[in-house]
Amino acid sequence: MYSNIEIFGFRALWSPFFFLSILIITALYIYFTGKGRHKIKDSEPVSTKQKTFFIVTMVLLYLVKGSPLDLLGHLMLSAHMTQMAFLYLVIPPLLILGMPNWMIRKVVYARFLKGIIGFLTKPLIALITFNALFSLYHIPVVFDIIKQDMMMHSIFTTILFLASMMMWFPLIDPLPEQKGMSGIKKLGYIMADGVLLTPACALIIFAETPLYTTYSDMTAWLNALALCVPAGTLAGLDLGGPEMFNMMPLLEDQQLGGIIMKIIQEVMYGSILAFVFFKWARREREKDEVDINDLMQPRVVK
């Protein structure tokens, strides 16, 4: 498999320009959370834990969008669904956790963004928006159109990523001054999110025929490849078709893609569910301890 995709060249396999972009973003983050922090008003020290979250996020982002996985996502639906799962279910919460509060405030409270972000991060709006866009993307006719048009693909995937950030924001609840959801509401939010994401996965897993011509039709497949392979490289190749790079039948590859998406979703949501539950339980326990201590304090009789 890997020896086959090597024919697309280094640029298509490793996206050097994207790698450089990731390096620049990471370097700027390290500088402005370190030596350059004093240049930003109201900035505060950033913990090693937060810095680690951010760096891990950048590494994952490159592996998902800059490594051979991105090229494989145009050759195999299972690779594409793996890419989607990490890009929208794993990277956004890690990115929010890696950003210090003062950095988030610069975006959330920006004059032209405050109202928009405030509306889009309302739990119900965020939940419906992300899952509606995610389901829309996986409708076969929509999927095939987006995967074959560079501009539409860039615009839609960017909007979907921003929607995923909005969806995760109420759960991570990074700004203490904002009145977020209670622990029990967050648990319900996660479970509702899992239910709303299921139809798209079920459509892919239980379909009896291949759904997407992008992975079966030669013309559509070449159009999709053009999104990540330089035109000069692609024109000089003698390609036999999608089956040249996929060892599995199309239907099995499609089913595997849906299963991978569902597994990653369950693992991620389960982890967040446990995190939210234990954080909520700890707060309730601390609250009870404070109440007990108040009761135990001797009262002064005047």
Protein backbone atom coordinates (compact mmCIF):
# COMPACT_ATOMS: atom_id res chain seq x y z
CA MET A 1 0.00 0.00 0.00
CA TYR A 2 2.62 2.56 1.07
CA SER A 3 4.88 1.69 -1.87
CA ASN A 4 1.94 2.43 -4.18
CA ILE A 5 1.16 5.87 -2.77
CA GLU A 6 4.83 6.90 -3.01
CA ILE A 7 4.20 7.56 -6.71
CA PHE A 8 2.30 10.72 -5.74
CA GLY A 9 5.51 12.35 -4.52
CA PHE A 10 6.86 13.91 -1.32
CA ARG A 11 4.69 17.03 -1.48
CA ALA A 12 1.43 15.06 -1.64
CA LEU A 13 2.58 12.64 1.07
CA TRP A 14 4.01 15.04 3.66
CA SER A 15 2.56 18.52 2.85
CA PRO A 16 5.74 20.52 3.60
CA PHE A 17 3.96 23.90 3.43
CA PHE A 18 1.37 22.75 5.96
CA PHE A 19 4.20 21.43 8.16
CA LEU A 20 5.87 24.84 8.01
CA SER A 21 2.58 26.52 8.97
CA ILE A 22 2.22 24.23 11.99
CA LEU A 23 5.80 24.99 13.04
CA ILE A 24 5.20 28.76 12.82
CA ILE A 25 1.95 28.57 14.81
CA THR A 26 3.62 26.42 17.48
CA ALA A 27 6.64 28.75 17.68
CA LEU A 28 4.38 31.81 18.07
CA TYR A 29 2.38 30.05 20.80
CA ILE A 30 5.54 29.11 22.72
CA TYR A 31 6.88 32.65 22.42
CA PHE A 32 3.68 34.46 23.48
CA THR A 33 3.08 32.06 26.38
CA GLY A 34 6.72 32.37 27.44
CA LYS A 35 9.17 35.24 26.96
CA GLY A 36 6.74 37.33 24.91
CA ARG A 37 3.84 37.06 27.35
CA HIS A 38 4.57 40.49 28.92
CA LYS A 39 3.70 42.11 25.56
CA ILE A 40 0.07 41.03 25.89
CA LYS A 41 -2.25 42.90 28.22
CA ASP A 42 -3.89 40.87 31.03
CA SER A 43 -1.85 37.77 30.19
CA GLU A 44 -1.08 35.24 32.91
CA PRO A 45 1.44 32.40 33.29
CA VAL A 46 0.62 29.32 31.26
CA SER A 47 1.05 25.91 32.85
CA THR A 48 3.22 23.17 31.39
CA LYS A 49 0.08 21.04 31.15
CA GLN A 50 -1.63 23.56 28.88
CA LYS A 51 1.46 23.94 26.71
CA THR A 52 1.63 20.14 26.37
CA PHE A 53 -2.02 20.02 25.30
CA PHE A 54 -1.37 22.61 22.60
CA ILE A 55 1.77 20.95 21.25
CA VAL A 56 0.08 17.54 21.18
CA THR A 57 -2.82 19.17 19.30
CA MET A 58 -0.46 20.62 16.68
CA VAL A 59 1.27 17.24 16.23
CA LEU A 60 -2.10 15.52 15.80
CA LEU A 61 -3.28 18.21 13.38
CA TYR A 62 -0.24 17.65 11.18
CA LEU A 63 -0.61 13.87 11.32
CA VAL A 64 -4.27 14.16 10.32
CA LYS A 65 -3.97 16.84 7.61
CA GLY A 66 -0.32 16.78 6.57
CA SER A 67 0.85 13.17 6.74
CA PRO A 68 0.08 10.37 4.23
CA LEU A 69 -3.23 9.89 6.08
CA ASP A 70 -4.57 12.94 4.23
CA LEU A 71 -3.71 11.38 0.86
CA LEU A 72 -5.11 8.02 1.95
CA GLY A 73 -8.33 9.83 2.85
CA HIS A 74 -8.79 10.48 -0.88
CA LEU A 75 -8.13 6.82 -1.69
CA MET A 76 -10.00 4.97 1.06
CA LEU A 77 -13.17 5.96 2.89
CA SER A 78 -11.94 4.23 6.07
CA ALA A 79 -8.88 6.53 6.12
CA HIS A 80 -11.11 9.56 5.49
CA MET A 81 -13.42 8.67 8.38
CA THR A 82 -10.42 8.20 10.68
CA GLN A 83 -9.25 11.65 9.63
CA MET A 84 -12.72 13.12 10.26
CA ALA A 85 -12.98 11.53 13.71
CA PHE A 86 -9.69 13.02 14.90
CA LEU A 87 -10.25 16.38 13.22
CA TYR A 88 -13.69 17.02 14.73
CA LEU A 89 -13.89 14.84 17.84
CA VAL A 90 -10.36 14.75 19.27
CA ILE A 91 -8.43 17.86 18.18
CA PRO A 92 -11.00 20.60 19.12
CA PRO A 93 -11.26 19.78 22.86
CA LEU A 94 -7.48 19.36 23.11
CA LEU A 95 -6.99 22.72 21.38
CA ILE A 96 -9.37 24.48 23.81
CA LEU A 97 -7.61 22.85 26.76
CA GLY A 98 -4.27 24.02 25.37
CA MET A 99 -5.27 27.68 25.08
CA PRO A 100 -4.88 29.85 28.20
CA ASN A 101 -7.92 31.77 29.37
CA TRP A 102 -6.50 35.17 28.41
CA MET A 103 -5.88 33.94 24.87
CA ILE A 104 -9.44 32.61 24.57
CA ARG A 105 -10.81 35.92 25.86
CA LYS A 106 -9.01 37.79 23.05
CA VAL A 107 -11.16 35.83 20.59
CA VAL A 108 -14.41 35.37 22.49
CA TYR A 109 -14.70 39.02 23.55
CA ALA A 110 -13.45 40.57 20.29
CA ARG A 111 -15.79 43.38 19.22
CA PHE A 112 -17.00 41.78 15.99
CA LEU A 113 -17.03 38.21 17.28
CA LYS A 114 -18.52 38.46 20.76
CA GLY A 115 -22.17 38.30 19.71
CA ILE A 116 -21.62 35.61 17.08
CA ILE A 117 -19.56 33.34 19.32
CA GLY A 118 -21.92 33.92 22.24
CA PHE A 119 -24.84 32.75 20.12
CA LEU A 120 -23.09 29.81 18.45
CA THR A 121 -21.76 28.44 21.76
CA LYS A 122 -25.21 28.24 23.32
CA PRO A 123 -25.46 24.49 24.07
CA LEU A 124 -28.55 23.73 21.99
CA ILE A 125 -27.39 25.85 19.03
CA ALA A 126 -23.87 24.37 19.12
CA LEU A 127 -25.21 20.82 19.35
CA ILE A 128 -27.66 21.16 16.46
CA THR A 129 -25.30 23.15 14.21
CA PHE A 130 -22.39 20.71 14.38
CA ASN A 131 -24.44 17.55 13.99
CA ALA A 132 -26.57 19.02 11.20
CA LEU A 133 -23.44 20.02 9.24
CA PHE A 134 -21.79 16.67 9.94
CA SER A 135 -24.83 14.73 8.73
CA LEU A 136 -25.22 17.01 5.69
CA TYR A 137 -21.60 16.40 4.71
CA HIS A 138 -22.13 12.63 4.61
CA ILE A 139 -25.20 12.69 2.37
CA PRO A 140 -23.78 11.01 -0.77
CA VAL A 141 -24.62 13.73 -3.30
CA VAL A 142 -23.25 16.47 -1.01
CA PHE A 143 -20.15 14.45 -0.13
CA ASP A 144 -19.28 13.82 -3.79
CA ILE A 145 -19.70 17.48 -4.74
CA ILE A 146 -17.57 18.75 -1.85
CA LYS A 147 -14.81 16.17 -2.33
CA GLN A 148 -14.33 17.18 -5.97
CA ASP A 149 -14.20 20.96 -5.59
CA MET A 150 -11.20 22.60 -3.90
CA MET A 151 -12.98 25.78 -2.82
CA MET A 152 -16.12 24.05 -1.56
CA HIS A 153 -14.04 21.45 0.27
CA SER A 154 -11.93 24.13 2.00
CA ILE A 155 -14.92 26.26 2.95
CA PHE A 156 -17.12 23.42 4.21
CA THR A 157 -14.43 21.61 6.20
CA THR A 158 -13.33 24.91 7.79
CA ILE A 159 -16.92 25.72 8.78
CA LEU A 160 -17.36 22.18 10.13
CA PHE A 161 -14.17 22.50 12.19
CA LEU A 162 -15.32 25.84 13.64
CA ALA A 163 -18.72 24.27 14.40
CA SER A 164 -16.95 21.44 16.24
CA MET A 165 -15.03 24.03 18.30
CA MET A 166 -18.34 25.69 19.19
CA MET A 167 -19.82 22.30 20.06
CA TRP A 168 -16.96 21.43 22.45
CA PHE A 169 -16.76 24.87 24.03
CA PRO A 170 -19.74 24.49 26.46
CA LEU A 171 -18.35 21.15 27.61
CA ILE A 172 -14.79 22.29 28.26
CA ASP A 173 -16.15 25.54 29.76
CA PRO A 174 -12.74 27.28 29.84
CA LEU A 175 -13.78 30.74 31.10
CA PRO A 176 -14.67 30.78 34.82
CA GLU A 177 -16.53 34.11 34.57
CA GLN A 178 -19.09 32.61 32.19
CA LYS A 179 -22.02 30.77 33.70
CA GLY A 180 -21.71 27.36 32.09
CA MET A 181 -23.83 24.25 32.25
CA SER A 182 -24.13 22.30 35.48
CA GLY A 183 -22.51 18.88 35.71
CA ILE A 184 -25.77 17.00 35.14
CA LYS A 185 -26.57 19.12 32.06
CA LYS A 186 -23.13 18.42 30.63
CA LEU A 187 -23.74 14.68 31.01
CA GLY A 188 -27.02 15.05 29.12
CA TYR A 189 -25.28 17.19 26.48
CA ILE A 190 -22.68 14.50 25.79
CA MET A 191 -25.28 11.76 25.53
CA ALA A 192 -27.43 13.87 23.19
CA ASP A 193 -24.39 14.58 21.03
CA GLY A 194 -23.68 10.87 20.74
CA VAL A 195 -27.27 10.15 19.71
CA LEU A 196 -27.28 12.90 17.05
CA LEU A 197 -24.02 11.68 15.55
CA THR A 198 -25.24 8.09 15.23
CA PRO A 199 -27.43 8.43 12.07
CA ALA A 200 -24.48 9.50 9.89
CA CYS A 201 -22.41 6.56 11.15
CA ALA A 202 -25.34 4.15 10.74
CA LEU A 203 -25.90 5.32 7.16
CA ILE A 204 -22.34 4.39 6.29
CA ILE A 205 -22.13 1.16 8.29
CA PHE A 206 -25.44 -0.42 7.24
CA ALA A 207 -25.66 0.68 3.60
CA GLU A 208 -25.89 -2.34 1.30
CA THR A 209 -24.06 -0.67 -1.59
CA PRO A 210 -21.14 1.78 -1.88
CA LEU A 211 -22.52 5.29 -1.32
CA TYR A 212 -19.86 7.60 -2.69
CA THR A 213 -18.83 7.80 -6.35
CA THR A 214 -15.69 9.62 -5.23
CA TYR A 215 -14.27 6.22 -4.29
CA SER A 216 -15.74 4.18 -7.16
CA ASP A 217 -15.98 6.31 -10.31
CA MET A 218 -12.68 6.96 -12.11
CA THR A 219 -13.47 10.57 -13.10
CA ALA A 220 -14.80 11.56 -9.67
CA TRP A 221 -11.86 9.82 -8.00
CA LEU A 222 -9.31 11.75 -10.07
CA ASN A 223 -11.10 15.03 -9.34
CA ALA A 224 -10.90 14.27 -5.62
CA LEU A 225 -7.20 13.36 -5.87
CA ALA A 226 -6.50 16.72 -7.47
CA LEU A 227 -7.30 18.34 -4.11
CA CYS A 228 -4.11 17.02 -2.53
CA VAL A 229 -1.83 15.92 -5.41
CA PRO A 230 -0.10 18.66 -7.48
CA ALA A 231 -1.60 18.88 -10.98
CA GLY A 232 1.77 18.28 -12.66
CA THR A 233 2.36 15.10 -10.65
CA LEU A 234 -1.14 13.75 -11.24
CA ALA A 235 -0.98 14.40 -15.00
CA GLY A 236 2.18 12.35 -15.31
CA LEU A 237 0.80 9.23 -13.62
CA ASP A 238 -0.79 6.19 -15.23
CA LEU A 239 -3.38 5.22 -12.65
CA GLY A 240 -5.45 2.06 -12.89
CA GLY A 241 -8.25 3.26 -10.63
CA PRO A 242 -9.26 3.37 -6.94
CA GLU A 243 -8.87 -0.41 -6.52
CA MET A 244 -5.14 0.00 -7.16
CA PHE A 245 -4.72 1.47 -3.66
CA ASN A 246 -7.39 -0.34 -1.67
CA MET A 247 -6.99 -3.97 -0.65
CA MET A 248 -10.62 -4.17 0.54
CA PRO A 249 -13.85 -4.20 -1.47
CA LEU A 250 -15.51 -0.77 -1.53
CA LEU A 251 -18.43 -1.84 0.66
CA GLU A 252 -16.18 -3.32 3.35
CA ASP A 253 -13.96 -0.23 3.32
CA GLN A 254 -17.08 1.94 3.71
CA GLN A 255 -18.37 -0.15 6.62
CA LEU A 256 -14.96 -0.07 8.30
CA GLY A 257 -14.94 3.74 7.98
CA GLY A 258 -18.27 4.05 9.76
CA ILE A 259 -17.16 1.65 12.50
CA ILE A 260 -13.89 3.55 13.06
CA MET A 261 -15.79 6.82 13.35
CA LYS A 262 -18.24 5.31 15.86
CA ILE A 263 -15.48 3.72 17.96
CA ILE A 264 -13.44 6.93 18.19
CA GLN A 265 -16.61 8.87 19.00
CA GLU A 266 -17.54 6.44 21.79
CA VAL A 267 -14.02 6.47 23.27
CA MET A 268 -13.79 10.28 23.16
CA TYR A 269 -17.28 10.91 24.49
CA GLY A 270 -16.81 8.25 27.15
CA SER A 271 -13.58 9.91 28.29
CA ILE A 272 -15.20 13.35 28.42
CA LEU A 273 -18.23 11.84 30.18
CA ALA A 274 -15.97 10.40 32.90
CA PHE A 275 -14.03 13.69 33.15
CA VAL A 276 -17.20 15.77 33.52
CA PHE A 277 -18.76 13.32 36.00
CA PHE A 278 -15.77 13.15 38.33
CA LYS A 279 -15.23 16.92 38.14
CA TRP A 280 -18.88 17.48 38.98
CA ALA A 281 -18.80 14.91 41.81
CA ARG A 282 -15.64 16.53 43.25
CA ARG A 283 -17.27 19.97 43.24
CA GLU A 284 -20.38 18.64 44.96
CA ARG A 285 -18.24 16.89 47.58
CA GLU A 286 -16.22 20.07 48.23
CA LYS A 287 -19.45 22.04 48.51
CA ASP A 288 -20.82 19.57 51.07
CA GLU A 289 -17.58 19.76 53.06
CA VAL A 290 -17.80 23.56 53.18
CA ASP A 291 -21.41 23.37 54.36
CA ILE A 292 -20.45 20.90 57.11
CA ASN A 293 -17.55 23.09 58.23
CA ASP A 294 -19.89 26.09 58.42
CA LEU A 295 -22.27 24.10 60.63
CA MET A 296 -19.42 23.02 62.88
CA GLN A 297 -18.24 26.60 63.49
CA PRO A 298 -19.13 27.79 67.03
CA ARG A 299 -21.70 30.54 67.04
CA VAL A 300 -21.14 33.71 69.02
CA VAL A 301 -24.07 34.59 71.26
CA LYS A 302 -24.55 38.33 71.61
